[in-house]
Amino acid sequence: INTAIQNNIKRFGNQHSLMLSNILEKSPNKIIIDKVITSNGLSDHPKIIKDTIRQHFTNWTRKHITSSWPDSQWQAEYTPLSQVPNDAFASVSNLITMKEFTDMILNTNAYKAP
């Protein structure tokens, strides 16, 4: 086994994923597309298949045009509330003291996540 591993290391060098796939006897996943439906009907011509698939994935992954956010519909929802003081959440960024941490651990049920 060690000899086979050393041979694989020599054979594949820095191509670790290829080496692991070989050791685990994984075969690469491939699909075969020999026909495609276009607007003109069914085609088995290799160039048409390739172009149709390329166009499909280009359209599928195209950059989506979005409007600026928040738009007028949501603007009121994100306007700061006047009744909430500016420093209302200032203590959220305070560091937790060791005493607070210890108290929390001691008062937490051992069989539940805190």
Protein backbone atom coordinates (compact mmCIF):
# COMPACT_ATOMS: atom_id res chain seq x y z
CA ILE A 1 0.00 0.00 0.00
CA ASN A 2 2.80 2.42 0.91
CA THR A 3 4.53 1.74 -2.41
CA ALA A 4 1.31 2.47 -4.31
CA ILE A 5 0.85 5.72 -2.37
CA GLN A 6 4.42 6.81 -3.09
CA ASN A 7 3.96 5.98 -6.78
CA ASN A 8 0.78 8.08 -6.84
CA ILE A 9 2.59 10.99 -5.18
CA LYS A 10 5.39 10.82 -7.76
CA ARG A 11 2.94 10.49 -10.66
CA PHE A 12 0.64 13.35 -9.71
CA GLY A 13 3.09 15.73 -8.00
CA ASN A 14 1.25 18.87 -6.92
CA GLN A 15 -2.07 17.83 -8.46
CA HIS A 16 -3.54 16.77 -5.12
CA SER A 17 -7.19 16.68 -6.18
CA LEU A 18 -6.33 14.49 -9.17
CA MET A 19 -4.30 12.21 -6.90
CA LEU A 20 -7.13 11.90 -4.35
CA SER A 21 -9.66 11.20 -7.09
CA ASN A 22 -7.40 8.47 -8.42
CA ILE A 23 -6.82 6.92 -4.99
CA LEU A 24 -10.54 6.99 -4.20
CA GLU A 25 -11.28 5.65 -7.68
CA LYS A 26 -13.60 8.54 -8.47
CA SER A 27 -14.53 9.04 -12.08
CA PRO A 28 -15.14 12.55 -13.40
CA ASN A 29 -18.79 13.43 -13.90
CA LYS A 30 -19.56 14.14 -17.54
CA ILE A 31 -22.70 14.75 -19.49
CA ILE A 32 -23.22 14.00 -23.14
CA ILE A 33 -25.56 16.26 -25.07
CA ASP A 34 -26.07 14.93 -28.56
CA LYS A 35 -29.33 16.74 -29.37
CA VAL A 36 -30.78 20.11 -28.50
CA ILE A 37 -34.14 21.78 -29.05
CA THR A 38 -33.86 25.19 -30.69
CA SER A 39 -36.46 27.61 -32.00
CA ASN A 40 -36.07 25.82 -35.37
CA GLY A 41 -36.72 22.38 -33.87
CA LEU A 42 -34.53 19.46 -32.81
CA SER A 43 -30.88 19.58 -33.90
CA ASP A 44 -28.01 17.12 -33.65
CA HIS A 45 -25.44 19.33 -35.40
CA PRO A 46 -22.41 19.73 -33.04
CA LYS A 47 -21.89 23.46 -33.75
CA ILE A 48 -25.58 24.27 -33.16
CA ILE A 49 -25.55 22.22 -29.94
CA LYS A 50 -22.43 24.01 -28.69
CA ASP A 51 -23.72 27.48 -29.61
CA THR A 52 -27.17 26.83 -28.10
CA ILE A 53 -25.71 25.59 -24.81
CA ARG A 54 -23.23 28.48 -24.64
CA GLN A 55 -26.05 30.98 -25.26
CA HIS A 56 -28.27 29.29 -22.66
CA PHE A 57 -25.65 29.55 -19.91
CA THR A 58 -24.69 33.08 -20.95
CA ASN A 59 -28.33 34.14 -20.54
CA TRP A 60 -28.76 32.11 -17.36
CA THR A 61 -25.77 33.72 -15.64
CA ARG A 62 -26.10 37.22 -17.09
CA LYS A 63 -25.79 40.24 -14.85
CA HIS A 64 -29.24 41.17 -13.59
CA ILE A 65 -30.10 44.83 -13.82
CA THR A 66 -31.50 46.09 -10.54
CA SER A 67 -32.73 49.47 -9.49
CA SER A 68 -31.05 51.49 -6.79
CA TRP A 69 -31.98 50.36 -3.31
CA PRO A 70 -33.89 51.24 -1.26
CA ASP A 71 -36.41 52.47 -3.77
CA SER A 72 -39.24 54.82 -2.88
CA GLN A 73 -41.45 51.92 -1.78
CA TRP A 74 -39.02 51.06 1.06
CA GLN A 75 -37.55 54.50 1.78
CA ALA A 76 -39.90 55.16 4.72
CA GLU A 77 -39.09 51.77 6.27
CA TYR A 78 -35.37 52.60 6.41
CA THR A 79 -35.64 56.18 7.63
CA PRO A 80 -34.20 56.42 11.18
CA LEU A 81 -36.87 56.52 13.88
CA SER A 82 -36.92 59.82 15.74
CA GLN A 83 -38.08 58.18 19.01
CA VAL A 84 -34.97 55.95 19.17
CA PRO A 85 -31.94 57.79 20.63
CA ASN A 86 -28.73 57.74 18.56
CA ASP A 87 -26.85 55.91 21.33
CA ALA A 88 -29.57 53.28 21.95
CA PHE A 89 -27.35 50.43 20.77
CA ALA A 90 -23.97 51.78 21.92
CA SER A 91 -23.57 49.09 24.59
CA VAL A 92 -23.84 46.33 21.97
CA SER A 93 -20.21 46.83 20.99
CA ASN A 94 -18.91 46.73 24.59
CA LEU A 95 -16.61 43.83 25.35
CA ILE A 96 -17.99 41.00 27.48
CA THR A 97 -16.22 40.78 30.82
CA MET A 98 -14.77 37.52 32.09
CA LYS A 99 -17.30 37.58 34.96
CA GLU A 100 -20.23 37.91 32.52
CA PHE A 101 -18.82 35.07 30.43
CA THR A 102 -18.27 32.81 33.45
CA ASP A 103 -21.77 33.55 34.80
CA MET A 104 -23.30 32.74 31.43
CA ILE A 105 -21.44 29.40 31.22
CA LEU A 106 -22.33 28.44 34.79
CA ASN A 107 -26.01 29.27 34.32
CA THR A 108 -26.39 27.50 30.97
CA ASN A 109 -28.04 24.10 30.82
CA ALA A 110 -25.32 21.56 29.98
CA TYR A 111 -27.54 19.80 27.45
CA LYS A 112 -28.56 22.87 25.43
CA ALA A 113 -26.73 25.33 23.23
CA PRO A 114 -26.35 28.79 24.83
